[in-house]
Each structure stands twice: as structure tokens, then as C-alpha cells.
Amino acid sequence: FPQLRQPAWFLGARNFFKTLDGTARFDSSMELVDVPLDNDLVEVPLAGATYKISSSRPFVVFMSESQAFFEESMVNLHLARRNRLPAQRDMGTGKWSFEKQVRAWYRSMALTSYDEDVQPALTSLVSSLGAGPWLAGLWWGDSQLGFLAVWLGQALAATTWNAPLPLDYYIYSDFTENPGNQCYVLPGAACEECIRRCADPDPPKSAYWMPDNAYFQWRPCVPDKSVCGAKGISDIVAAYGSGSVMDLWQAIESKVKDGPISSNVFDILLS
């Protein structure tokens, strides 16, 4: 299919919607009176000239390197949506391996990936980054490995900006792609409650799209609470947050490679 070249930055973007979030459950039009006219403009250097650009909502779009990494049969999709497809945990050096996902994030977010004429514009307008279940949307990656790839890639890329570039990682019970799967980054009871909320009620059909093979008895949310593990994202951050990228990356590749597919990645790492 034709696709936009990526990564693609949109500088000067503004938000014209209220309650716009990753679920698409609550989107509604914004009254134009709430949209700033010029009080969000900042002077931005670009290629030797200076322009006034809105600093309100710059955003960047880029993809993981995992498109079409397995045959999307019903059996495979149901396994993938539950983080139980072996192909999701490729720790080798192949085309769709974990290292390639870290590379994709780093390459897209490193300031040094962009022309020197563009870099001052980016540093003038971008001060933080928000992300949802990258890797684990309609390309059906493991949501726990998706978070780990984001964390590693961002930690590496942020060093190129010469200023802090914090990342906010947003967790949704019913993200517009692969609703319910991101619940698995939460531990135990929190994961189970997240899955319950996704399906009570089901998100409206206008809020998501999936191929027919991805549904569970024609319902969009992942229903399997038995996949919820003992450890969650906060446990991983507590265990590895004070260490190095190398420490975490080596632990992932060594432990997950030989870990049972019946166990979650976080539980394997912290066992």
C-alpha cells in the first residue's frame, strides 16, 4: 500500500478537537473560540531565516520495523493480541527482531538524524514526547516488548538533543488499535480491571478498525485476563531505571530468548 515517507514531523500543528485521546471514544469538535490565534507563536530559526510557528502541538509520526511479520490468520492474531505469538519475541538479528524496533525508535527520535538546518526548529518547538502502545497496534507486536523498545530507544535518542527530552508513556484500556492489549503492561488486578473496562461497554465501531480475523467472537477487546502477569511496567522501571541501557538490553535478549512463551516478558525479566 502507498505510505507516507517516515519519520514525518508536523511543526505548527494545533488541536481542533476536545477530549481527543488514543481511544477515540470521546472525540468531539472544539469551539474555535478555544483555539489560539497568535499567542502560541514562537520565533523559530530555519535554514538561515526566522519564522513564527505555533508551539502548541508539534507531533511526529514513525513506525516500527514489524509490518507483516507473521501471517495474519485468526489463530495467529488471537495469539498475538494476547502477547503469546513466538514470532513477537525474536531476539536475533533478523528483519523483525527486537533490536530493529529499538533502532527504529532511535533513528526517528535522534536529533542527529535530521539535517543541521532543521535541528534548531525541532529544539525550539519540541520539549517532551508522548507515546502510546507503539509496536503493539495494528502490527500486533508484544505490548511489553513495545514499551521496552520505546524506553531503550528514547534513552539513547534523548542524549542527542543536548537538553532533557522526557517521554510520557500513555496506557489505554481500549486504544484505537488493538483494544485491550496494552492492559498487559499492568500487573495482576490492575491488568484485569483494565481489560474489564475495555469491554464495559465495548468501544463504538467508530473508535477502531481491525481485520475480521482479529475479533474475539466479534467483540473488539482482548478478553483473556489469564494472561495478566504478576509484574507490570512500574516494577520494570523500579528494577532497571537506575541502571544503563546496556544492562536492560542484555537482560532482555538473554532472558526473553529462552523464556517460556506462556509467561509475560516482564515476569521473565524479573524472575
Protein backbone atom coordinates (compact mmCIF):
# COMPACT_ATOMS: atom_id res chain seq x y z
CA PHE A 1 0.00 0.00 0.00
CA PRO A 2 1.20 3.59 -0.63
CA GLN A 3 2.63 5.05 2.56
CA LEU A 4 3.93 8.41 3.71
CA ARG A 5 7.70 8.56 3.97
CA GLN A 6 8.65 8.46 7.61
CA PRO A 7 9.60 9.70 10.11
CA ALA A 8 7.50 12.79 9.44
CA TRP A 9 7.40 15.84 11.73
CA PHE A 10 4.44 18.25 11.72
CA LEU A 11 5.53 21.55 13.26
CA GLY A 12 2.97 24.26 13.91
CA ALA A 13 0.08 21.82 14.36
CA ARG A 14 -2.85 22.82 16.56
CA ASN A 15 -5.56 20.76 18.26
CA PHE A 16 -9.09 21.47 17.00
CA PHE A 17 -10.79 18.72 19.00
CA LYS A 18 -11.83 18.29 22.61
CA THR A 19 -11.17 15.10 24.59
CA LEU A 20 -9.01 13.77 21.77
CA ASP A 21 -7.13 10.71 23.05
CA GLY A 22 -5.88 7.32 21.97
CA THR A 23 -9.22 5.57 22.50
CA ALA A 24 -11.26 7.71 20.07
CA ARG A 25 -14.23 7.05 22.39
CA PHE A 26 -14.73 10.66 23.43
CA ASP A 27 -13.69 12.81 20.46
CA SER A 28 -15.75 15.95 19.89
CA SER A 29 -15.26 19.15 17.91
CA MET A 30 -13.61 22.10 19.62
CA GLU A 31 -15.21 25.52 19.57
CA LEU A 32 -12.98 27.80 17.51
CA VAL A 33 -13.04 30.36 20.31
CA ASP A 34 -10.75 28.00 22.24
CA VAL A 35 -8.10 27.88 19.50
CA PRO A 36 -5.29 30.47 19.94
CA LEU A 37 -4.81 32.96 17.14
CA ASP A 38 -1.23 34.10 17.70
CA ASN A 39 -0.35 33.84 21.40
CA ASP A 40 1.22 30.40 20.90
CA LEU A 41 3.63 31.57 18.19
CA VAL A 42 7.36 31.43 18.80
CA GLU A 43 10.24 32.56 16.62
CA VAL A 44 11.92 29.57 15.06
CA PRO A 45 15.20 29.59 13.10
CA LEU A 46 15.14 27.54 9.92
CA ALA A 47 17.78 27.41 7.20
CA GLY A 48 19.09 30.91 7.96
CA ALA A 49 15.69 32.59 8.27
CA THR A 50 13.30 33.09 11.20
CA TYR A 51 9.62 32.13 11.17
CA LYS A 52 6.79 32.38 13.66
CA ILE A 53 5.36 28.92 14.25
CA SER A 54 2.78 27.61 16.72
CA SER A 55 4.36 25.74 19.59
CA SER A 56 1.04 24.21 20.60
CA ARG A 57 1.05 20.64 19.28
CA PRO A 58 4.09 19.57 17.24
CA PHE A 59 3.99 15.87 16.54
CA VAL A 60 5.99 13.18 14.81
CA VAL A 61 4.84 10.03 13.03
CA PHE A 62 7.01 6.96 12.52
CA MET A 63 6.60 3.21 12.51
CA SER A 64 8.18 0.16 13.99
CA GLU A 65 10.01 -2.29 11.74
CA SER A 66 7.44 -5.06 12.17
CA GLN A 67 4.90 -4.68 9.39
CA ALA A 68 3.60 -8.08 8.21
CA PHE A 69 5.99 -10.10 10.37
CA PHE A 70 3.57 -13.06 10.51
CA GLU A 71 0.63 -14.49 8.57
CA GLU A 72 -2.50 -12.85 9.97
CA SER A 73 -4.65 -15.94 10.37
CA MET A 74 -7.24 -16.00 13.15
CA VAL A 75 -5.11 -18.35 15.23
CA ASN A 76 -2.01 -16.16 14.91
CA LEU A 77 -3.87 -12.91 15.53
CA HIS A 78 -5.53 -14.25 18.66
CA LEU A 79 -2.14 -15.35 19.96
CA ALA A 80 -0.51 -12.04 19.05
CA ARG A 81 -3.25 -9.97 20.67
CA ARG A 82 -2.58 -11.92 23.89
CA ASN A 83 1.25 -11.48 23.61
CA ARG A 84 1.61 -15.22 23.02
CA LEU A 85 2.91 -15.48 19.44
CA PRO A 86 6.52 -16.77 19.40
CA ALA A 87 7.39 -14.52 16.43
CA GLN A 88 6.81 -11.47 18.65
CA ARG A 89 9.85 -12.37 20.74
CA ASP A 90 12.55 -12.55 18.08
CA MET A 91 15.79 -11.76 19.92
CA GLY A 92 18.05 -12.46 16.98
CA THR A 93 19.32 -10.14 14.26
CA GLY A 94 16.62 -10.70 11.67
CA LYS A 95 14.43 -8.19 9.85
CA TRP A 96 11.78 -8.02 12.57
CA SER A 97 13.85 -8.69 15.67
CA PHE A 98 13.69 -6.68 18.89
CA GLU A 99 16.92 -4.81 18.12
CA LYS A 100 15.37 -3.48 14.90
CA GLN A 101 12.48 -1.98 16.88
CA VAL A 102 14.89 -0.15 19.20
CA ARG A 103 16.74 1.05 16.12
CA ALA A 104 13.52 2.31 14.54
CA TRP A 105 12.70 4.43 17.59
CA TYR A 106 16.24 5.75 17.97
CA ARG A 107 16.61 6.62 14.30
CA SER A 108 13.31 8.51 14.29
CA MET A 109 13.87 10.44 17.52
CA ALA A 110 17.60 11.19 17.47
CA LEU A 111 18.15 14.87 16.67
CA THR A 112 21.22 13.92 14.66
CA SER A 113 19.00 12.00 12.22
CA TYR A 114 17.88 15.33 10.79
CA ASP A 115 19.63 17.96 8.67
CA GLU A 116 21.51 20.62 10.64
CA ASP A 117 19.24 23.31 9.14
CA VAL A 118 16.20 21.61 10.67
CA GLN A 119 17.61 20.85 14.11
CA PRO A 120 17.16 24.39 15.59
CA ALA A 121 13.46 24.31 14.64
CA LEU A 122 12.99 20.99 16.40
CA THR A 123 14.79 22.06 19.56
CA SER A 124 12.79 25.33 19.65
CA LEU A 125 9.41 23.61 19.46
CA VAL A 126 9.83 20.15 20.98
CA SER A 127 10.39 19.81 24.72
CA SER A 128 8.84 16.43 25.52
CA LEU A 129 7.30 13.41 23.86
CA GLY A 130 4.14 11.38 24.43
CA ALA A 131 3.54 7.87 23.12
CA GLY A 132 1.02 5.06 23.43
CA PRO A 133 1.34 1.34 22.62
CA TRP A 134 3.96 1.73 19.89
CA LEU A 135 4.69 -1.61 18.15
CA ALA A 136 1.53 -3.19 19.60
CA GLY A 137 -1.15 -1.57 17.43
CA LEU A 138 -2.31 -2.99 14.10
CA TRP A 139 1.05 -4.64 13.53
CA TRP A 140 0.38 -6.79 16.57
CA GLY A 141 3.65 -6.69 18.49
CA ASP A 142 4.00 -7.65 22.15
CA SER A 143 2.95 -4.60 24.21
CA GLN A 144 5.51 -5.29 26.94
CA LEU A 145 8.36 -5.53 24.43
CA GLY A 146 6.93 -2.46 22.72
CA PHE A 147 7.34 -0.43 25.90
CA LEU A 148 10.87 -1.76 26.40
CA ALA A 149 11.86 -0.85 22.83
CA VAL A 150 10.46 2.66 23.35
CA TRP A 151 12.28 3.07 26.65
CA LEU A 152 15.64 1.93 25.29
CA GLY A 153 15.32 3.86 22.04
CA GLN A 154 14.26 7.06 23.79
CA ALA A 155 17.04 6.83 26.38
CA LEU A 156 19.57 6.63 23.56
CA ALA A 157 17.96 9.26 21.33
CA ALA A 158 17.48 11.82 24.11
CA THR A 159 21.25 12.18 24.53
CA THR A 160 21.46 13.77 21.07
CA TRP A 161 19.17 16.71 21.94
CA ASN A 162 21.59 18.48 24.32
CA ALA A 163 18.65 19.11 26.66
CA PRO A 164 16.22 16.87 28.54
CA LEU A 165 13.59 15.23 26.31
CA PRO A 166 11.25 13.40 28.72
CA LEU A 167 8.86 10.74 27.48
CA ASP A 168 5.30 10.32 28.75
CA TYR A 169 4.04 6.79 28.11
CA TYR A 170 0.24 6.64 27.97
CA ILE A 171 -1.62 3.44 28.86
CA TYR A 172 -5.09 2.84 27.41
CA SER A 173 -7.66 0.19 28.23
CA ASP A 174 -9.02 0.47 24.69
CA PHE A 175 -6.52 2.09 22.36
CA THR A 176 -7.97 2.68 18.90
CA GLU A 177 -5.69 -0.06 17.52
CA ASN A 178 -5.68 -3.50 19.17
CA PRO A 179 -8.02 -2.50 22.05
CA GLY A 180 -7.27 -4.17 25.37
CA ASN A 181 -3.80 -5.45 24.54
CA GLN A 182 -1.96 -2.61 26.29
CA CYS A 183 -3.61 -3.67 29.55
CA TYR A 184 -0.97 -6.40 29.71
CA VAL A 185 1.71 -3.86 30.69
CA LEU A 186 -0.11 -3.56 34.04
CA PRO A 187 0.25 -6.14 36.83
CA GLY A 188 -2.34 -8.53 38.22
CA ALA A 189 -5.57 -6.91 39.40
CA ALA A 190 -4.85 -3.63 37.58
CA CYS A 191 -4.49 -5.53 34.30
CA GLU A 192 -7.74 -7.42 34.92
CA GLU A 193 -9.61 -4.21 35.70
CA CYS A 194 -8.19 -2.58 32.58
CA ILE A 195 -9.48 -5.46 30.42
CA ARG A 196 -12.88 -5.24 32.09
CA ARG A 197 -13.10 -1.52 31.39
CA CYS A 198 -12.29 -2.03 27.71
CA ALA A 199 -15.38 -4.21 27.22
CA ASP A 200 -17.78 -2.44 29.59
CA PRO A 201 -19.07 -1.20 27.27
CA ASP A 202 -17.29 -2.14 24.04
CA PRO A 203 -15.84 0.89 22.27
CA PRO A 204 -18.09 2.16 19.46
CA LYS A 205 -17.29 0.92 15.99
CA SER A 206 -16.27 4.44 15.01
CA ALA A 207 -13.42 4.26 17.53
CA TYR A 208 -11.34 1.45 16.00
CA TRP A 209 -10.66 -0.70 12.95
CA MET A 210 -9.43 -4.30 12.82
CA PRO A 211 -9.46 -7.12 10.28
CA ASP A 212 -12.22 -9.66 10.85
CA ASN A 213 -9.71 -12.32 12.00
CA ALA A 214 -8.68 -10.16 14.97
CA TYR A 215 -12.05 -10.11 16.73
CA PHE A 216 -12.87 -12.36 19.66
CA GLN A 217 -16.37 -13.65 18.90
CA TRP A 218 -16.98 -10.38 17.03
CA ARG A 219 -16.03 -8.25 20.02
CA PRO A 220 -13.03 -5.88 19.73
CA CYS A 221 -11.41 -6.04 23.18
CA VAL A 222 -8.90 -8.66 24.26
CA PRO A 223 -10.88 -10.75 26.79
CA ASP A 224 -8.21 -13.01 28.31
CA LYS A 225 -7.45 -11.97 31.89
CA SER A 226 -5.44 -15.13 32.47
CA VAL A 227 -2.56 -13.53 30.53
CA CYS A 228 -2.23 -10.80 33.16
CA GLY A 229 1.11 -11.32 34.89
CA ALA A 230 2.47 -10.67 38.36
CA LYS A 231 4.77 -7.83 37.24
CA GLY A 232 3.94 -4.58 35.49
CA ILE A 233 5.54 -1.52 33.98
CA SER A 234 6.21 0.12 37.37
CA ASP A 235 8.10 -2.98 38.53
CA ILE A 236 10.32 -2.88 35.44
CA VAL A 237 11.06 0.82 35.88
CA ALA A 238 11.87 0.29 39.56
CA ALA A 239 14.19 -2.61 38.78
CA TYR A 240 16.07 -1.14 35.81
CA GLY A 241 15.52 2.63 35.93
CA SER A 242 18.76 3.37 37.74
CA GLY A 243 20.84 1.12 35.51
CA SER A 244 22.14 1.51 31.97
CA VAL A 245 20.64 0.87 28.55
CA MET A 246 23.16 -1.94 28.12
CA ASP A 247 22.11 -3.65 31.36
CA LEU A 248 18.45 -3.74 30.38
CA TRP A 249 19.05 -4.60 26.73
CA GLN A 250 21.31 -7.52 27.60
CA ALA A 251 18.82 -8.79 30.16
CA ILE A 252 16.01 -8.67 27.61
CA GLU A 253 17.93 -10.51 24.91
CA SER A 254 19.35 -13.18 27.22
CA LYS A 255 16.28 -13.90 29.35
CA VAL A 256 13.42 -13.46 26.87
CA LYS A 257 15.17 -15.57 24.23
CA ASP A 258 14.97 -18.67 26.41
CA GLY A 259 11.88 -17.74 28.43
CA PRO A 260 8.60 -19.66 28.02
CA ILE A 261 6.03 -18.11 25.69
CA SER A 262 3.45 -18.90 28.36
CA SER A 263 4.99 -16.25 30.63
CA ASN A 264 4.93 -12.49 30.14
CA VAL A 265 8.13 -10.66 29.25
CA PHE A 266 8.08 -8.58 32.45
CA ASP A 267 7.68 -11.70 34.60
CA ILE A 268 10.57 -13.36 32.78
CA LEU A 269 12.83 -10.36 33.28
CA LEU A 270 12.09 -10.12 36.98
CA SER A 271 12.05 -13.83 37.81
